[in-house]
Amino acid sequence: MLSTLHSDVLAAVATNGGKLPYSFIESQVAAGTVTYTHLTPNMRVCVIHLQSGHEVIGVAQVLDAANDVEEIGNDVALANATDELWKVFGAIALA
C-alpha cells in the first residue's frame, strides 16, 4: 500500500509543477476515516486514518467548556489534523 501511495504522491507532484496540490490531501482525507473524541471538557481531538495505515491527529481547545461549539471545534481539529498530512506526504515523497 505504501508503494502505491508513494507513486500517487509523486504523480500528484509531477502534474502540479513540483508541488503537492491541496486537492490530493483532500482526496486522501475523503478516502480515509475521520473520528472525533473529547479528551477533556475543553479539548477535542480529530484523528484521520488514511487507507495506507497512516494516522494523524489535530487538536482543538477552548478556555471555557461553556464556550465549546461542537461544529466549530470539530472543524478546527480537522483543519489541524489535515495540516499534519503535509509532513506525512512530504516524507513519503522523499522516500
C-alpha atoms as a PDB file:
ATOM      1  CA  MET A   1       0.000   0.000   0.000  1.00  0.00           C
ATOM      2  CA  LEU A   2       2.860   2.387   0.799  1.00  0.00           C
ATOM      3  CA  SER A   3       4.428   1.892  -2.642  1.00  0.00           C
ATOM      4  CA  THR A   4       1.092   2.776  -4.254  1.00  0.00           C
ATOM      5  CA  LEU A   5       0.785   5.870  -2.069  1.00  0.00           C
ATOM      6  CA  HIS A   6       4.386   6.810  -2.891  1.00  0.00           C
ATOM      7  CA  SER A   7       3.599   6.539  -6.609  1.00  0.00           C
ATOM      8  CA  ASP A   8       0.398   8.565  -6.153  1.00  0.00           C
ATOM      9  CA  VAL A   9       2.241  11.320  -4.269  1.00  0.00           C
ATOM     10  CA  LEU A  10       4.981  11.500  -6.898  1.00  0.00           C
ATOM     11  CA  ALA A  11       2.410  11.606  -9.719  1.00  0.00           C
ATOM     12  CA  ALA A  12       0.472  14.396  -7.999  1.00  0.00           C
ATOM     13  CA  VAL A  13       3.666  16.401  -7.516  1.00  0.00           C
ATOM     14  CA  ALA A  14       4.754  15.837 -11.127  1.00  0.00           C
ATOM     15  CA  THR A  15       1.457  17.102 -12.525  1.00  0.00           C
ATOM     16  CA  ASN A  16       1.412  20.215 -10.326  1.00  0.00           C
ATOM     17  CA  GLY A  17       4.689  21.925 -11.061  1.00  0.00           C
ATOM     18  CA  GLY A  18       6.658  20.120  -8.373  1.00  0.00           C
ATOM     19  CA  LYS A  19       4.197  20.885  -5.573  1.00  0.00           C
ATOM     20  CA  LEU A  20       1.724  18.603  -3.881  1.00  0.00           C
ATOM     21  CA  PRO A  21      -1.756  20.006  -4.596  1.00  0.00           C
ATOM     22  CA  TYR A  22      -4.172  20.512  -1.723  1.00  0.00           C
ATOM     23  CA  SER A  23      -6.736  18.550  -3.735  1.00  0.00           C
ATOM     24  CA  PHE A  24      -4.551  15.458  -3.237  1.00  0.00           C
ATOM     25  CA  ILE A  25      -4.652  15.962   0.542  1.00  0.00           C
ATOM     26  CA  GLU A  26      -8.434  16.406   0.387  1.00  0.00           C
ATOM     27  CA  SER A  27      -8.849  13.223  -1.672  1.00  0.00           C
ATOM     28  CA  GLN A  28      -6.820  11.217   0.841  1.00  0.00           C
ATOM     29  CA  VAL A  29      -8.905  12.535   3.752  1.00  0.00           C
ATOM     30  CA  ALA A  30     -12.132  11.759   1.855  1.00  0.00           C
ATOM     31  CA  ALA A  31     -10.942   8.201   1.157  1.00  0.00           C
ATOM     32  CA  GLY A  32      -9.950   7.655   4.794  1.00  0.00           C
ATOM     33  CA  THR A  33     -11.843   7.751   8.058  1.00  0.00           C
ATOM     34  CA  VAL A  34     -12.212  10.766  10.345  1.00  0.00           C
ATOM     35  CA  THR A  35     -13.133  10.404  14.020  1.00  0.00           C
ATOM     36  CA  TYR A  36     -13.622  12.979  16.775  1.00  0.00           C
ATOM     37  CA  THR A  37     -13.147  12.469  20.506  1.00  0.00           C
ATOM     38  CA  HIS A  38     -13.358  14.716  23.574  1.00  0.00           C
ATOM     39  CA  LEU A  39     -10.248  14.188  25.714  1.00  0.00           C
ATOM     40  CA  THR A  40     -11.370  16.698  28.328  1.00  0.00           C
ATOM     41  CA  PRO A  41     -14.322  19.074  28.551  1.00  0.00           C
ATOM     42  CA  ASN A  42     -12.082  21.739  26.952  1.00  0.00           C
ATOM     43  CA  MET A  43     -10.254  19.632  24.372  1.00  0.00           C
ATOM     44  CA  ARG A  44     -11.292  17.592  21.366  1.00  0.00           C
ATOM     45  CA  VAL A  45      -9.150  15.556  19.007  1.00  0.00           C
ATOM     46  CA  CYS A  46      -9.652  14.642  15.368  1.00  0.00           C
ATOM     47  CA  VAL A  47      -7.938  11.504  14.069  1.00  0.00           C
ATOM     48  CA  ILE A  48      -7.581  10.973  10.332  1.00  0.00           C
ATOM     49  CA  HIS A  49      -6.985   7.316   9.454  1.00  0.00           C
ATOM     50  CA  LEU A  50      -5.667   7.038   5.901  1.00  0.00           C
ATOM     51  CA  GLN A  51      -6.179   3.946   3.772  1.00  0.00           C
ATOM     52  CA  SER A  52      -2.389   3.477   3.801  1.00  0.00           C
ATOM     53  CA  GLY A  53      -2.498   2.955   7.580  1.00  0.00           C
ATOM     54  CA  HIS A  54      -1.068   6.362   8.454  1.00  0.00           C
ATOM     55  CA  GLU A  55      -2.827   8.290  11.204  1.00  0.00           C
ATOM     56  CA  VAL A  56      -2.570  11.951  12.151  1.00  0.00           C
ATOM     57  CA  ILE A  57      -4.225  13.959  14.905  1.00  0.00           C
ATOM     58  CA  GLY A  58      -5.399  17.526  15.274  1.00  0.00           C
ATOM     59  CA  VAL A  59      -6.426  19.211  18.496  1.00  0.00           C
ATOM     60  CA  ALA A  60      -8.912  21.982  19.238  1.00  0.00           C
ATOM     61  CA  GLN A  61      -9.238  23.619  22.634  1.00  0.00           C
ATOM     62  CA  VAL A  62     -11.390  26.214  24.344  1.00  0.00           C
ATOM     63  CA  LEU A  63     -10.571  28.067  27.549  1.00  0.00           C
ATOM     64  CA  ASP A  64     -14.038  27.515  28.985  1.00  0.00           C
ATOM     65  CA  ALA A  65     -16.095  24.409  28.205  1.00  0.00           C
ATOM     66  CA  ALA A  66     -19.216  26.589  28.321  1.00  0.00           C
ATOM     67  CA  ASN A  67     -17.968  28.252  25.118  1.00  0.00           C
ATOM     68  CA  ASP A  68     -17.437  24.990  23.248  1.00  0.00           C
ATOM     69  CA  VAL A  69     -19.350  24.721  19.962  1.00  0.00           C
ATOM     70  CA  GLU A  70     -19.053  21.171  18.657  1.00  0.00           C
ATOM     71  CA  GLU A  71     -19.200  22.010  14.941  1.00  0.00           C
ATOM     72  CA  ILE A  72     -16.558  24.725  15.209  1.00  0.00           C
ATOM     73  CA  GLY A  73     -14.328  22.583  17.427  1.00  0.00           C
ATOM     74  CA  ASN A  74     -14.549  19.663  15.023  1.00  0.00           C
ATOM     75  CA  ASP A  75     -13.738  21.929  12.067  1.00  0.00           C
ATOM     76  CA  VAL A  76     -10.668  23.332  13.850  1.00  0.00           C
ATOM     77  CA  ALA A  77      -9.457  19.879  14.915  1.00  0.00           C
ATOM     78  CA  LEU A  78      -9.948  18.553  11.370  1.00  0.00           C
ATOM     79  CA  ALA A  79      -8.040  21.502   9.886  1.00  0.00           C
ATOM     80  CA  ASN A  80      -5.189  20.931  12.343  1.00  0.00           C
ATOM     81  CA  ALA A  81      -5.084  17.197  11.556  1.00  0.00           C
ATOM     82  CA  THR A  82      -5.180  17.898   7.826  1.00  0.00           C
ATOM     83  CA  ASP A  83      -2.198  20.243   8.245  1.00  0.00           C
ATOM     84  CA  GLU A  84      -0.249  17.317   9.729  1.00  0.00           C
ATOM     85  CA  LEU A  85      -0.697  15.392   6.473  1.00  0.00           C
ATOM     86  CA  TRP A  86       1.754  17.715   4.696  1.00  0.00           C
ATOM     87  CA  LYS A  87       4.535  16.205   6.840  1.00  0.00           C
ATOM     88  CA  VAL A  88       3.422  12.656   6.097  1.00  0.00           C
ATOM     89  CA  PHE A  89       3.177  13.133   2.344  1.00  0.00           C
ATOM     90  CA  GLY A  90       6.387  15.169   2.249  1.00  0.00           C
ATOM     91  CA  ALA A  91       8.249  12.303   3.916  1.00  0.00           C
ATOM     92  CA  ILE A  92       6.666   9.813   1.532  1.00  0.00           C
ATOM     93  CA  ALA A  93       7.683  11.942  -1.471  1.00  0.00           C
ATOM     94  CA  LEU A  94      11.291  11.940  -0.240  1.00  0.00           C
ATOM     95  CA  ALA A  95      11.360   8.193   0.436  1.00  0.00           C
END
